[in-house]
Structures are given as structure tokens and as C-alpha cells.
């Protein structure tokens, strides 16, 4: 009888557990995206325009506002918007980075040939 009660209890809470798991996964994803976007803006420095920076910062703020809620759709929507804004900035940073590399190729050190002798100590 006790086992049957425990089974029914587990079945009754299965859906609730699933929702809780999804909520935590969405929150973790949102927090990761926020961290990544903030780091990208810090690394970008002046390589992004004020408008681009403002757009990403607004999307970060929007995601922060909903990430702890139970509204999975709002979290997904805000995550998608932040992702799109961050990708635009990331692509621009990548393009400016490759343009700089094309302009000044780095001098590569040649391997040095050397002879050595072992000393007995």
C-alpha cells in the first residue's frame, strides 16, 4: 500500500517536476547569455557604435527582467532577441578583427637551430 501511494505521488508530481526542470534550464541559459553578452561588450570596447551597444544592453536588461519568472515564452523571446543583437555585434567585431589582421601580418619567429652539450654534474 505504501509503495502504491508513493508511485501515485510521484506520478502526480512528475509534471510539476518537469516544469521546474524547464524553468531552471531556461534561467541557466538566460544567465549564461547575459554573462556572454556583457563580456562581449566589455571586450568590444570602442569597436561597436553607441547604438549597437545600447541595443545589446537593452536586450540584456529585458532578459534580466524576465529570467526569474515562470513565463518560459517571455524568457525564450528575450533570449532570442539578445542572441540576435549579440550576433550582429559579434559579426562586426569578427570582421574588424580580420581586417586588422589583413592590414598588418604578424611577424612569425623562425625556429632557432642550436647545439647543446650535456654536462655531467
PDB file of N, CA and C in Angstrom:
ATOM      1  N   UNK A   1       0.823  -1.190   0.000  1.00  0.00           N
ATOM      2  CA  UNK A   1       0.000   0.000   0.000  1.00  0.00           C
ATOM      3  C   UNK A   1       0.871   1.259   0.000  1.00  0.00           C
ATOM      4  N   UNK A   2       1.912   1.229   0.786  1.00  0.00           N
ATOM      5  CA  UNK A   2       2.819   2.385   0.862  1.00  0.00           C
ATOM      6  C   UNK A   2       3.499   2.631  -0.486  1.00  0.00           C
ATOM      7  N   UNK A   3       3.897   1.555  -1.153  1.00  0.00           N
ATOM      8  CA  UNK A   3       4.558   1.671  -2.458  1.00  0.00           C
ATOM      9  C   UNK A   3       3.604   2.258  -3.485  1.00  0.00           C
ATOM     10  N   UNK A   4       2.361   1.802  -3.485  1.00  0.00           N
ATOM     11  CA  UNK A   4       1.359   2.333  -4.419  1.00  0.00           C
ATOM     12  C   UNK A   4       1.136   3.826  -4.186  1.00  0.00           C
ATOM     13  N   UNK A   5       1.081   4.204  -2.928  1.00  0.00           N
ATOM     14  CA  UNK A   5       0.884   5.619  -2.605  1.00  0.00           C
ATOM     15  C   UNK A   5       2.068   6.442  -3.112  1.00  0.00           C
ATOM     16  N   UNK A   6       3.275   5.931  -2.943  1.00  0.00           N
ATOM     17  CA  UNK A   6       4.474   6.636  -3.392  1.00  0.00           C
ATOM     18  C   UNK A   6       4.504   6.755  -4.917  1.00  0.00           C
ATOM     19  N   UNK A   7       4.065   5.693  -5.615  1.00  0.00           N
ATOM     20  CA  UNK A   7       4.009   5.737  -7.080  1.00  0.00           C
ATOM     21  C   UNK A   7       3.036   6.815  -7.547  1.00  0.00           C
ATOM     22  N   UNK A   8       1.856   6.833  -6.932  1.00  0.00           N
ATOM     23  CA  UNK A   8       0.850   7.829  -7.311  1.00  0.00           C
ATOM     24  C   UNK A   8       1.341   9.238  -7.005  1.00  0.00           C
ATOM     25  N   UNK A   9       2.018   9.372  -5.895  1.00  0.00           N
ATOM     26  CA  UNK A   9       2.580  10.662  -5.516  1.00  0.00           C
ATOM     27  C   UNK A   9       3.613  11.117  -6.549  1.00  0.00           C
ATOM     28  N   UNK A  10       4.469  10.203  -6.967  1.00  0.00           N
ATOM     29  CA  UNK A  10       5.495  10.522  -7.964  1.00  0.00           C
ATOM     30  C   UNK A  10       4.863  10.904  -9.296  1.00  0.00           C
ATOM     31  N   UNK A  11       3.838  10.167  -9.703  1.00  0.00           N
ATOM     32  CA  UNK A  11       3.146  10.478 -10.956  1.00  0.00           C
ATOM     33  C   UNK A  11       2.475  11.841 -10.882  1.00  0.00           C
ATOM     34  N   UNK A  12       1.906  12.138  -9.742  1.00  0.00           N
ATOM     35  CA  UNK A  12       1.219  13.416  -9.571  1.00  0.00           C
ATOM     36  C   UNK A  12       2.194  14.588  -9.655  1.00  0.00           C
ATOM     37  N   UNK A  13       3.404  14.375  -9.201  1.00  0.00           N
ATOM     38  CA  UNK A  13       4.389  15.458  -9.191  1.00  0.00           C
ATOM     39  C   UNK A  13       5.298  15.450 -10.415  1.00  0.00           C
ATOM     40  N   UNK A  14       5.152  14.478 -11.290  1.00  0.00           N
ATOM     41  CA  UNK A  14       6.027  14.375 -12.461  1.00  0.00           C
ATOM     42  C   UNK A  14       5.932  15.618 -13.341  1.00  0.00           C
ATOM     43  N   UNK A  15       4.722  16.075 -13.600  1.00  0.00           N
ATOM     44  CA  UNK A  15       4.541  17.257 -14.457  1.00  0.00           C
ATOM     45  C   UNK A  15       5.124  18.503 -13.788  1.00  0.00           C
ATOM     46  N   UNK A  16       4.885  18.621 -12.499  1.00  0.00           N
ATOM     47  CA  UNK A  16       5.432  19.762 -11.748  1.00  0.00           C
ATOM     48  C   UNK A  16       6.961  19.732 -11.774  1.00  0.00           C
ATOM     49  N   UNK A  17       7.541  18.550 -11.598  1.00  0.00           N
ATOM     50  CA  UNK A  17       8.992  18.406 -11.641  1.00  0.00           C
ATOM     51  C   UNK A  17       9.538  18.775 -13.015  1.00  0.00           C
ATOM     52  N   UNK A  18       8.811  18.367 -14.058  1.00  0.00           N
ATOM     53  CA  UNK A  18       9.231  18.680 -15.424  1.00  0.00           C
ATOM     54  C   UNK A  18       9.229  20.195 -15.643  1.00  0.00           C
ATOM     55  N   UNK A  19       8.172  20.861 -15.195  1.00  0.00           N
ATOM     56  CA  UNK A  19       8.092  22.321 -15.338  1.00  0.00           C
ATOM     57  C   UNK A  19       9.217  23.007 -14.564  1.00  0.00           C
ATOM     58  N   UNK A  20       9.483  22.516 -13.373  1.00  0.00           N
ATOM     59  CA  UNK A  20      10.557  23.088 -12.549  1.00  0.00           C
ATOM     60  C   UNK A  20      11.904  22.923 -13.246  1.00  0.00           C
ATOM     61  N   UNK A  21      12.132  21.756 -13.807  1.00  0.00           N
ATOM     62  CA  UNK A  21      13.388  21.495 -14.520  1.00  0.00           C
ATOM     63  C   UNK A  21      13.529  22.439 -15.717  1.00  0.00           C
ATOM     64  N   UNK A  22      12.458  22.599 -16.491  1.00  0.00           N
ATOM     65  CA  UNK A  22      12.490  23.500 -17.648  1.00  0.00           C
ATOM     66  C   UNK A  22      12.754  24.936 -17.212  1.00  0.00           C
ATOM     67  N   UNK A  23      12.125  25.342 -16.112  1.00  0.00           N
ATOM     68  CA  UNK A  23      12.313  26.709 -15.617  1.00  0.00           C
ATOM     69  C   UNK A  23      13.774  26.950 -15.248  1.00  0.00           C
ATOM     70  N   UNK A  24      14.374  25.998 -14.556  1.00  0.00           N
ATOM     71  CA  UNK A  24      15.774  26.129 -14.153  1.00  0.00           C
ATOM     72  C   UNK A  24      16.682  26.143 -15.383  1.00  0.00           C
ATOM     73  N   UNK A  25      16.394  25.287 -16.360  1.00  0.00           N
ATOM     74  CA  UNK A  25      17.205  25.263 -17.579  1.00  0.00           C
ATOM     75  C   UNK A  25      17.114  26.589 -18.323  1.00  0.00           C
ATOM     76  N   UNK A  26      15.899  27.147 -18.422  1.00  0.00           N
ATOM     77  CA  UNK A  26      15.732  28.438 -19.091  1.00  0.00           C
ATOM     78  C   UNK A  26      16.472  29.547 -18.333  1.00  0.00           C
ATOM     79  N   UNK A  27      16.393  29.511 -17.013  1.00  0.00           N
ATOM     80  CA  UNK A  27      17.093  30.521 -16.217  1.00  0.00           C
ATOM     81  C   UNK A  27      18.604  30.406 -16.393  1.00  0.00           C
ATOM     82  N   UNK A  28      19.117  29.188 -16.384  1.00  0.00           N
ATOM     83  CA  UNK A  28      20.553  28.997 -16.563  1.00  0.00           C
ATOM     84  C   UNK A  28      21.007  29.484 -17.930  1.00  0.00           C
ATOM     85  N   UNK A  29      20.236  29.153 -18.955  1.00  0.00           N
ATOM     86  CA  UNK A  29      20.562  29.610 -20.303  1.00  0.00           C
ATOM     87  C   UNK A  29      20.541  31.137 -20.362  1.00  0.00           C
ATOM     88  N   UNK A  30      19.531  31.739 -19.758  1.00  0.00           N
ATOM     89  CA  UNK A  30      19.418  33.201 -19.757  1.00  0.00           C
ATOM     90  C   UNK A  30      20.618  33.837 -19.052  1.00  0.00           C
ATOM     91  N   UNK A  31      21.000  33.294 -17.908  1.00  0.00           N
ATOM     92  CA  UNK A  31      22.139  33.843 -17.174  1.00  0.00           C
ATOM     93  C   UNK A  31      23.429  33.703 -17.967  1.00  0.00           C
ATOM     94  N   UNK A  32      23.593  32.581 -18.660  1.00  0.00           N
ATOM     95  CA  UNK A  32      24.772  32.381 -19.499  1.00  0.00           C
ATOM     96  C   UNK A  32      24.794  33.391 -20.640  1.00  0.00           C
ATOM     97  N   UNK A  33      23.647  33.593 -21.266  1.00  0.00           N
ATOM     98  CA  UNK A  33      23.573  34.548 -22.374  1.00  0.00           C
ATOM     99  C   UNK A  33      23.871  35.964 -21.891  1.00  0.00           C
ATOM    100  N   UNK A  34      23.345  36.326 -20.737  1.00  0.00           N
ATOM    101  CA  UNK A  34      23.593  37.661 -20.181  1.00  0.00           C
ATOM    102  C   UNK A  34      25.084  37.842 -19.928  1.00  0.00           C
ATOM    103  N   UNK A  35      25.706  36.870 -19.282  1.00  0.00           N
ATOM    104  CA  UNK A  35      27.135  36.947 -18.985  1.00  0.00           C
ATOM    105  C   UNK A  35      27.946  37.073 -20.271  1.00  0.00           C
ATOM    106  N   UNK A  36      27.632  36.236 -21.255  1.00  0.00           N
ATOM    107  CA  UNK A  36      28.370  36.238 -22.517  1.00  0.00           C
ATOM    108  C   UNK A  36      28.223  37.575 -23.238  1.00  0.00           C
ATOM    109  N   UNK A  37      27.011  38.101 -23.275  1.00  0.00           N
ATOM    110  CA  UNK A  37      26.772  39.374 -23.962  1.00  0.00           C
ATOM    111  C   UNK A  37      27.491  40.521 -23.251  1.00  0.00           C
ATOM    112  N   UNK A  38      27.446  40.529 -21.920  1.00  0.00           N
ATOM    113  CA  UNK A  38      28.139  41.584 -21.175  1.00  0.00           C
ATOM    114  C   UNK A  38      29.643  41.505 -21.390  1.00  0.00           C
ATOM    115  N   UNK A  39      30.181  40.306 -21.400  1.00  0.00           N
ATOM    116  CA  UNK A  39      31.612  40.117 -21.636  1.00  0.00           C
ATOM    117  C   UNK A  39      31.978  40.576 -23.043  1.00  0.00           C
ATOM    118  N   UNK A  40      31.137  40.237 -24.017  1.00  0.00           N
ATOM    119  CA  UNK A  40      31.394  40.640 -25.396  1.00  0.00           C
ATOM    120  C   UNK A  40      31.441  42.168 -25.500  1.00  0.00           C
ATOM    121  N   UNK A  41      30.506  42.855 -24.851  1.00  0.00           N
ATOM    122  CA  UNK A  41      30.505  44.324 -24.896  1.00  0.00           C
ATOM    123  C   UNK A  41      31.757  44.894 -24.240  1.00  0.00           C
ATOM    124  N   UNK A  42      32.172  44.299 -23.127  1.00  0.00           N
ATOM    125  CA  UNK A  42      33.397  44.764 -22.467  1.00  0.00           C
ATOM    126  C   UNK A  42      34.611  44.548 -23.353  1.00  0.00           C
ATOM    127  N   UNK A  43      34.687  43.383 -23.987  1.00  0.00           N
ATOM    128  CA  UNK A  43      35.812  43.075 -24.863  1.00  0.00           C
ATOM    129  C   UNK A  43      35.804  43.945 -26.114  1.00  0.00           C
ATOM    130  N   UNK A  44      34.621  44.322 -26.571  1.00  0.00           N
ATOM    131  CA  UNK A  44      34.496  45.088 -27.811  1.00  0.00           C
ATOM    132  C   UNK A  44      35.043  46.495 -27.653  1.00  0.00           C
ATOM    133  N   UNK A  45      34.909  47.055 -26.470  1.00  0.00           N
ATOM    134  CA  UNK A  45      35.398  48.416 -26.260  1.00  0.00           C
ATOM    135  C   UNK A  45      34.744  49.381 -27.231  1.00  0.00           C
ATOM    136  N   UNK A  46      35.570  50.110 -27.975  1.00  0.00           N
ATOM    137  CA  UNK A  46      35.042  51.107 -28.907  1.00  0.00           C
ATOM    138  C   UNK A  46      34.857  50.559 -30.319  1.00  0.00           C
ATOM    139  N   UNK A  47      34.935  49.256 -30.475  1.00  0.00           N
ATOM    140  CA  UNK A  47      34.737  48.647 -31.797  1.00  0.00           C
ATOM    141  C   UNK A  47      33.270  48.612 -32.200  1.00  0.00           C
ATOM    142  N   UNK A  48      32.382  48.859 -31.251  1.00  0.00           N
ATOM    143  CA  UNK A  48      30.951  48.891 -31.559  1.00  0.00           C
ATOM    144  C   UNK A  48      30.434  50.312 -31.369  1.00  0.00           C
ATOM    145  N   UNK A  49      29.439  50.665 -32.158  1.00  0.00           N
ATOM    146  CA  UNK A  49      28.862  52.002 -32.056  1.00  0.00           C
ATOM    147  C   UNK A  49      28.007  52.101 -30.797  1.00  0.00           C
ATOM    148  N   UNK A  50      27.704  53.327 -30.426  1.00  0.00           N
ATOM    149  CA  UNK A  50      26.866  53.550 -29.245  1.00  0.00           C
ATOM    150  C   UNK A  50      25.484  52.932 -29.441  1.00  0.00           C
ATOM    151  N   UNK A  51      24.956  53.013 -30.669  1.00  0.00           N
ATOM    152  CA  UNK A  51      23.639  52.437 -30.945  1.00  0.00           C
ATOM    153  C   UNK A  51      23.656  50.919 -30.804  1.00  0.00           C
ATOM    154  N   UNK A  52      24.718  50.284 -31.318  1.00  0.00           N
ATOM    155  CA  UNK A  52      24.823  48.821 -31.210  1.00  0.00           C
ATOM    156  C   UNK A  52      24.948  48.406 -29.747  1.00  0.00           C
ATOM    157  N   UNK A  53      25.777  49.126 -29.014  1.00  0.00           N
ATOM    158  CA  UNK A  53      25.963  48.834 -27.587  1.00  0.00           C
ATOM    159  C   UNK A  53      24.635  49.005 -26.847  1.00  0.00           C
ATOM    160  N   UNK A  54      23.913  50.088 -27.154  1.00  0.00           N
ATOM    161  CA  UNK A  54      22.640  50.364 -26.488  1.00  0.00           C
ATOM    162  C   UNK A  54      21.633  49.253 -26.776  1.00  0.00           C
ATOM    163  N   UNK A  55      21.591  48.784 -28.030  1.00  0.00           N
ATOM    164  CA  UNK A  55      20.640  47.726 -28.386  1.00  0.00           C
ATOM    165  C   UNK A  55      20.908  46.459 -27.577  1.00  0.00           C
ATOM    166  N   UNK A  56      22.175  46.059 -27.498  1.00  0.00           N
ATOM    167  CA  UNK A  56      22.517  44.850 -26.746  1.00  0.00           C
ATOM    168  C   UNK A  56      22.223  45.057 -25.262  1.00  0.00           C
ATOM    169  N   UNK A  57      22.559  46.226 -24.728  1.00  0.00           N
ATOM    170  CA  UNK A  57      22.294  46.496 -23.311  1.00  0.00           C
ATOM    171  C   UNK A  57      20.798  46.463 -23.002  1.00  0.00           C
ATOM    172  N   UNK A  58      19.976  46.971 -23.934  1.00  0.00           N
ATOM    173  CA  UNK A  58      18.522  46.923 -23.737  1.00  0.00           C
ATOM    174  C   UNK A  58      18.020  45.482 -23.737  1.00  0.00           C
ATOM    175  N   UNK A  59      18.573  44.650 -24.622  1.00  0.00           N
ATOM    176  CA  UNK A  59      18.160  43.244 -24.681  1.00  0.00           C
ATOM    177  C   UNK A  59      18.612  42.507 -23.420  1.00  0.00           C
ATOM    178  N   UNK A  60      19.789  42.860 -22.910  1.00  0.00           N
ATOM    179  CA  UNK A  60      20.264  42.266 -21.655  1.00  0.00           C
ATOM    180  C   UNK A  60      19.297  42.631 -20.523  1.00  0.00           C
ATOM    181  N   UNK A  61      18.928  43.904 -20.451  1.00  0.00           N
ATOM    182  CA  UNK A  61      18.013  44.361 -19.394  1.00  0.00           C
ATOM    183  C   UNK A  61      16.656  43.664 -19.508  1.00  0.00           C
ATOM    184  N   UNK A  62      16.172  43.494 -20.737  1.00  0.00           N
ATOM    185  CA  UNK A  62      14.881  42.829 -20.939  1.00  0.00           C
ATOM    186  C   UNK A  62      14.939  41.376 -20.473  1.00  0.00           C
ATOM    187  N   UNK A  63      16.046  40.698 -20.775  1.00  0.00           N
ATOM    188  CA  UNK A  63      16.187  39.302 -20.356  1.00  0.00           C
ATOM    189  C   UNK A  63      16.336  39.209 -18.840  1.00  0.00           C
ATOM    190  N   UNK A  64      17.093  40.128 -18.247  1.00  0.00           N
ATOM    191  CA  UNK A  64      17.232  40.131 -16.784  1.00  0.00           C
ATOM    192  C   UNK A  64      15.871  40.307 -16.110  1.00  0.00           C
ATOM    193  N   UNK A  65      15.003  41.103 -16.732  1.00  0.00           N
ATOM    194  CA  UNK A  65      13.693  41.390 -16.146  1.00  0.00           C
ATOM    195  C   UNK A  65      12.792  40.161 -16.106  1.00  0.00           C
ATOM    196  N   UNK A  66      12.960  39.231 -17.054  1.00  0.00           N
ATOM    197  CA  UNK A  66      12.049  38.076 -17.113  1.00  0.00           C
ATOM    198  C   UNK A  66      12.698  36.751 -16.728  1.00  0.00           C
ATOM    199  N   UNK A  67      14.015  36.715 -16.577  1.00  0.00           N
ATOM    200  CA  UNK A  67      14.702  35.423 -16.403  1.00  0.00           C
ATOM    201  C   UNK A  67      14.278  34.649 -15.159  1.00  0.00           C
ATOM    202  N   UNK A  68      13.841  35.332 -14.120  1.00  0.00           N
ATOM    203  CA  UNK A  68      13.443  34.644 -12.888  1.00  0.00           C
ATOM    204  C   UNK A  68      11.947  34.365 -12.818  1.00  0.00           C
ATOM    205  N   UNK A  69      11.235  34.706 -13.888  1.00  0.00           N
ATOM    206  CA  UNK A  69       9.787  34.480 -13.896  1.00  0.00           C
ATOM    207  C   UNK A  69       9.480  33.045 -14.339  1.00  0.00           C
ATOM    208  N   UNK A  70       8.217  32.681 -14.260  1.00  0.00           N
ATOM    209  CA  UNK A  70       7.781  31.366 -14.735  1.00  0.00           C
ATOM    210  C   UNK A  70       7.296  31.431 -16.176  1.00  0.00           C
ATOM    211  N   UNK A  71       7.436  32.577 -16.819  1.00  0.00           N
ATOM    212  CA  UNK A  71       6.967  32.768 -18.190  1.00  0.00           C
ATOM    213  C   UNK A  71       8.050  32.298 -19.166  1.00  0.00           C
ATOM    214  N   UNK A  72       7.998  31.009 -19.505  1.00  0.00           N
ATOM    215  CA  UNK A  72       9.020  30.425 -20.379  1.00  0.00           C
ATOM    216  C   UNK A  72       9.053  31.109 -21.737  1.00  0.00           C
ATOM    217  N   UNK A  73       7.887  31.463 -22.250  1.00  0.00           N
ATOM    218  CA  UNK A  73       7.827  32.098 -23.572  1.00  0.00           C
ATOM    219  C   UNK A  73       8.520  33.457 -23.551  1.00  0.00           C
ATOM    220  N   UNK A  74       8.315  34.222 -22.499  1.00  0.00           N
ATOM    221  CA  UNK A  74       8.963  35.535 -22.392  1.00  0.00           C
ATOM    222  C   UNK A  74      10.475  35.374 -22.294  1.00  0.00           C
ATOM    223  N   UNK A  75      10.917  34.367 -21.551  1.00  0.00           N
ATOM    224  CA  UNK A  75      12.355  34.112 -21.420  1.00  0.00           C
ATOM    225  C   UNK A  75      12.931  33.707 -22.773  1.00  0.00           C
ATOM    226  N   UNK A  76      12.237  32.806 -23.482  1.00  0.00           N
ATOM    227  CA  UNK A  76      12.717  32.377 -24.803  1.00  0.00           C
ATOM    228  C   UNK A  76      12.772  33.552 -25.769  1.00  0.00           C
ATOM    229  N   UNK A  77      11.729  34.368 -25.759  1.00  0.00           N
ATOM    230  CA  UNK A  77      11.654  35.514 -26.669  1.00  0.00           C
ATOM    231  C   UNK A  77      12.798  36.493 -26.370  1.00  0.00           C
ATOM    232  N   UNK A  78      12.986  36.840 -25.103  1.00  0.00           N
ATOM    233  CA  UNK A  78      14.044  37.780 -24.722  1.00  0.00           C
ATOM    234  C   UNK A  78      15.426  37.194 -25.011  1.00  0.00           C
ATOM    235  N   UNK A  79      15.580  35.879 -24.808  1.00  0.00           N
ATOM    236  CA  UNK A  79      16.853  35.221 -25.117  1.00  0.00           C
ATOM    237  C   UNK A  79      17.146  35.296 -26.608  1.00  0.00           C
ATOM    238  N   UNK A  80      16.132  35.040 -27.415  1.00  0.00           N
ATOM    239  CA  UNK A  80      16.299  35.097 -28.866  1.00  0.00           C
ATOM    240  C   UNK A  80      16.662  36.490 -29.346  1.00  0.00           C
ATOM    241  N   UNK A  81      16.013  37.502 -28.769  1.00  0.00           N
ATOM    242  CA  UNK A  81      16.305  38.881 -29.154  1.00  0.00           C
ATOM    243  C   UNK A  81      17.724  39.272 -28.753  1.00  0.00           C
ATOM    244  N   UNK A  82      18.151  38.861 -27.564  1.00  0.00           N
ATOM    245  CA  UNK A  82      19.517  39.154 -27.123  1.00  0.00           C
ATOM    246  C   UNK A  82      20.514  38.431 -28.016  1.00  0.00           C
ATOM    247  N   UNK A  83      20.225  37.190 -28.330  1.00  0.00           N
ATOM    248  CA  UNK A  83      21.115  36.411 -29.184  1.00  0.00           C
ATOM    249  C   UNK A  83      21.291  37.078 -30.547  1.00  0.00           C
ATOM    250  N   UNK A  84      20.195  37.532 -31.137  1.00  0.00           N
ATOM    251  CA  UNK A  84      20.259  38.177 -32.453  1.00  0.00           C
ATOM    252  C   UNK A  84      21.079  39.464 -32.393  1.00  0.00           C
ATOM    253  N   UNK A  85      20.855  40.277 -31.371  1.00  0.00           N
ATOM    254  CA  UNK A  85      21.597  41.534 -31.235  1.00  0.00           C
ATOM    255  C   UNK A  85      23.080  41.260 -30.999  1.00  0.00           C
ATOM    256  N   UNK A  86      23.376  40.271 -30.169  1.00  0.00           N
ATOM    257  CA  UNK A  86      24.767  39.939 -29.869  1.00  0.00           C
ATOM    258  C   UNK A  86      25.475  39.370 -31.094  1.00  0.00           C
ATOM    259  N   UNK A  87      24.765  38.590 -31.900  1.00  0.00           N
ATOM    260  CA  UNK A  87      25.371  38.029 -33.107  1.00  0.00           C
ATOM    261  C   UNK A  87      25.758  39.122 -34.089  1.00  0.00           C
ATOM    262  N   UNK A  88      24.917  40.154 -34.206  1.00  0.00           N
ATOM    263  CA  UNK A  88      25.250  41.266 -35.103  1.00  0.00           C
ATOM    264  C   UNK A  88      26.545  41.939 -34.656  1.00  0.00           C
ATOM    265  N   UNK A  89      26.648  42.204 -33.365  1.00  0.00           N
ATOM    266  CA  UNK A  89      27.842  42.853 -32.832  1.00  0.00           C
ATOM    267  C   UNK A  89      29.049  41.922 -32.962  1.00  0.00           C
ATOM    268  N   UNK A  90      28.848  40.647 -32.667  1.00  0.00           N
ATOM    269  CA  UNK A  90      29.936  39.679 -32.781  1.00  0.00           C
ATOM    270  C   UNK A  90      30.458  39.571 -34.200  1.00  0.00           C
ATOM    271  N   UNK A  91      29.551  39.575 -35.169  1.00  0.00           N
ATOM    272  CA  UNK A  91      29.963  39.506 -36.575  1.00  0.00           C
ATOM    273  C   UNK A  91      30.765  40.744 -36.950  1.00  0.00           C
ATOM    274  N   UNK A  92      30.341  41.895 -36.469  1.00  0.00           N
ATOM    275  CA  UNK A  92      31.067  43.132 -36.771  1.00  0.00           C
ATOM    276  C   UNK A  92      32.464  43.091 -36.143  1.00  0.00           C
ATOM    277  N   UNK A  93      32.546  42.611 -34.907  1.00  0.00           N
ATOM    278  CA  UNK A  93      33.852  42.503 -34.243  1.00  0.00           C
ATOM    279  C   UNK A  93      34.758  41.549 -35.002  1.00  0.00           C
ATOM    280  N   UNK A  94      34.191  40.443 -35.465  1.00  0.00           N
ATOM    281  CA  UNK A  94      34.974  39.459 -36.210  1.00  0.00           C
ATOM    282  C   UNK A  94      35.501  40.084 -37.497  1.00  0.00           C
ATOM    283  N   UNK A  95      34.635  40.816 -38.202  1.00  0.00           N
ATOM    284  CA  UNK A  95      35.050  41.452 -39.452  1.00  0.00           C
ATOM    285  C   UNK A  95      36.139  42.484 -39.199  1.00  0.00           C
ATOM    286  N   UNK A  96      36.006  43.282 -38.169  1.00  0.00           N
ATOM    287  CA  UNK A  96      37.034  44.287 -37.894  1.00  0.00           C
ATOM    288  C   UNK A  96      38.326  43.610 -37.444  1.00  0.00           C
ATOM    289  N   UNK A  97      38.214  42.492 -36.758  1.00  0.00           N
ATOM    290  CA  UNK A  97      39.403  41.753 -36.336  1.00  0.00           C
ATOM    291  C   UNK A  97      40.150  41.160 -37.509  1.00  0.00           C
ATOM    292  N   UNK A  98      39.434  40.598 -38.479  1.00  0.00           N
ATOM    293  CA  UNK A  98      40.107  40.026 -39.645  1.00  0.00           C
ATOM    294  C   UNK A  98      40.657  41.125 -40.534  1.00  0.00           C
ATOM    295  N   UNK A  99      39.997  42.274 -40.585  1.00  0.00           N
ATOM    296  CA  UNK A  99      40.512  43.385 -41.384  1.00  0.00           C
ATOM    297  C   UNK A  99      41.831  43.873 -40.803  1.00  0.00           C
ATOM    298  N   UNK A 100      41.924  43.947 -39.483  1.00  0.00           N
ATOM    299  CA  UNK A 100      43.170  44.380 -38.855  1.00  0.00           C
ATOM    300  C   UNK A 100      44.279  43.371 -39.102  1.00  0.00           C
ATOM    301  N   UNK A 101      43.957  42.099 -39.072  1.00  0.00           N
ATOM    302  CA  UNK A 101      44.969  41.080 -39.319  1.00  0.00           C
ATOM    303  C   UNK A 101      45.471  41.143 -40.751  1.00  0.00           C
ATOM    304  N   UNK A 102      44.577  41.447 -41.690  1.00  0.00           N
ATOM    305  CA  UNK A 102      44.978  41.546 -43.086  1.00  0.00           C
ATOM    306  C   UNK A 102      45.898  42.738 -43.313  1.00  0.00           C
ATOM    307  N   UNK A 103      45.699  43.804 -42.571  1.00  0.00           N
ATOM    308  CA  UNK A 103      46.486  45.011 -42.762  1.00  0.00           C
ATOM    309  C   UNK A 103      47.917  44.849 -42.275  1.00  0.00           C
ATOM    310  N   UNK A 104      48.117  44.192 -41.185  1.00  0.00           N
ATOM    311  CA  UNK A 104      49.475  44.046 -40.655  1.00  0.00           C
ATOM    312  C   UNK A 104      49.726  42.595 -40.252  1.00  0.00           C
ATOM    313  N   UNK A 105      50.289  41.834 -41.157  1.00  0.00           N
ATOM    314  CA  UNK A 105      50.580  40.446 -40.796  1.00  0.00           C
ATOM    315  C   UNK A 105      51.629  40.404 -39.689  1.00  0.00           C
ATOM    316  N   UNK A 106      51.411  39.517 -38.764  1.00  0.00           N
ATOM    317  CA  UNK A 106      52.335  39.410 -37.647  1.00  0.00           C
ATOM    318  C   UNK A 106      53.609  38.705 -38.085  1.00  0.00           C
ATOM    319  N   UNK A 107      54.718  39.183 -37.557  1.00  0.00           N
ATOM    320  CA  UNK A 107      55.996  38.548 -37.848  1.00  0.00           C
ATOM    321  C   UNK A 107      56.055  37.239 -37.071  1.00  0.00           C
ATOM    322  N   UNK A 108      56.341  36.197 -37.795  1.00  0.00           N
ATOM    323  CA  UNK A 108      56.426  34.904 -37.126  1.00  0.00           C
ATOM    324  C   UNK A 108      57.890  34.580 -36.871  1.00  0.00           C
ATOM    325  N   UNK A 109      58.173  34.177 -35.673  1.00  0.00           N
ATOM    326  CA  UNK A 109      59.539  33.816 -35.331  1.00  0.00           C
ATOM    327  C   UNK A 109      59.900  32.505 -36.008  1.00  0.00           C
ATOM    328  N   UNK A 110      61.100  32.501 -36.567  1.00  0.00           N
ATOM    329  CA  UNK A 110      61.598  31.277 -37.182  1.00  0.00           C
ATOM    330  C   UNK A 110      62.175  30.395 -36.084  1.00  0.00           C
ATOM    331  N   UNK A 111      62.130  29.096 -36.274  1.00  0.00           N
ATOM    332  CA  UNK A 111      62.751  28.226 -35.277  1.00  0.00           C
ATOM    333  C   UNK A 111      64.266  28.454 -35.251  1.00  0.00           C
ATOM    334  N   UNK A 112      64.831  28.352 -34.087  1.00  0.00           N
ATOM    335  CA  UNK A 112      66.261  28.587 -33.922  1.00  0.00           C
ATOM    336  C   UNK A 112      66.956  27.240 -33.807  1.00  0.00           C
ATOM    337  N   UNK A 113      68.007  27.058 -34.639  1.00  0.00           N
ATOM    338  CA  UNK A 113      68.815  25.849 -34.524  1.00  0.00           C
ATOM    339  C   UNK A 113      69.868  26.107 -33.459  1.00  0.00           C
ATOM    340  N   UNK A 114      70.036  25.177 -32.570  1.00  0.00           N
ATOM    341  CA  UNK A 114      71.021  25.348 -31.507  1.00  0.00           C
ATOM    342  C   UNK A 114      71.661  24.000 -31.222  1.00  0.00           C
ATOM    343  N   UNK A 115      72.916  24.080 -30.805  1.00  0.00           N
ATOM    344  CA  UNK A 115      73.603  22.859 -30.396  1.00  0.00           C
ATOM    345  C   UNK A 115      73.750  22.898 -28.885  1.00  0.00           C
ATOM    346  N   UNK A 116      73.781  21.729 -28.289  1.00  0.00           N
ATOM    347  CA  UNK A 116      73.947  21.695 -26.849  1.00  0.00           C
ATOM    348  C   UNK A 116      74.815  20.512 -26.485  1.00  0.00           C
ATOM    349  N   UNK A 117      75.429  20.641 -25.344  1.00  0.00           N
ATOM    350  CA  UNK A 117      76.206  19.529 -24.804  1.00  0.00           C
ATOM    351  C   UNK A 117      75.734  19.305 -23.380  1.00  0.00           C
ATOM    352  N   UNK A 118      75.770  18.054 -22.979  1.00  0.00           N
ATOM    353  CA  UNK A 118      75.349  17.739 -21.621  1.00  0.00           C
ATOM    354  C   UNK A 118      76.551  17.809 -20.705  1.00  0.00           C
ATOM    355  N   UNK A 119      76.364  18.418 -19.566  1.00  0.00           N
ATOM    356  CA  UNK A 119      77.433  18.483 -18.575  1.00  0.00           C
ATOM    357  C   UNK A 119      77.136  17.451 -17.508  1.00  0.00           C
ATOM    358  N   UNK A 120      78.164  16.778 -17.120  1.00  0.00           N
ATOM    359  CA  UNK A 120      77.972  15.824 -16.039  1.00  0.00           C
ATOM    360  C   UNK A 120      78.221  16.547 -14.732  1.00  0.00           C
ATOM    361  N   UNK A 121      77.329  16.361 -13.802  1.00  0.00           N
ATOM    362  CA  UNK A 121      77.440  17.122 -12.568  1.00  0.00           C
ATOM    363  C   UNK A 121      77.791  16.282 -11.476  1.00  0.00           C
TER     364      UNK A 121
END
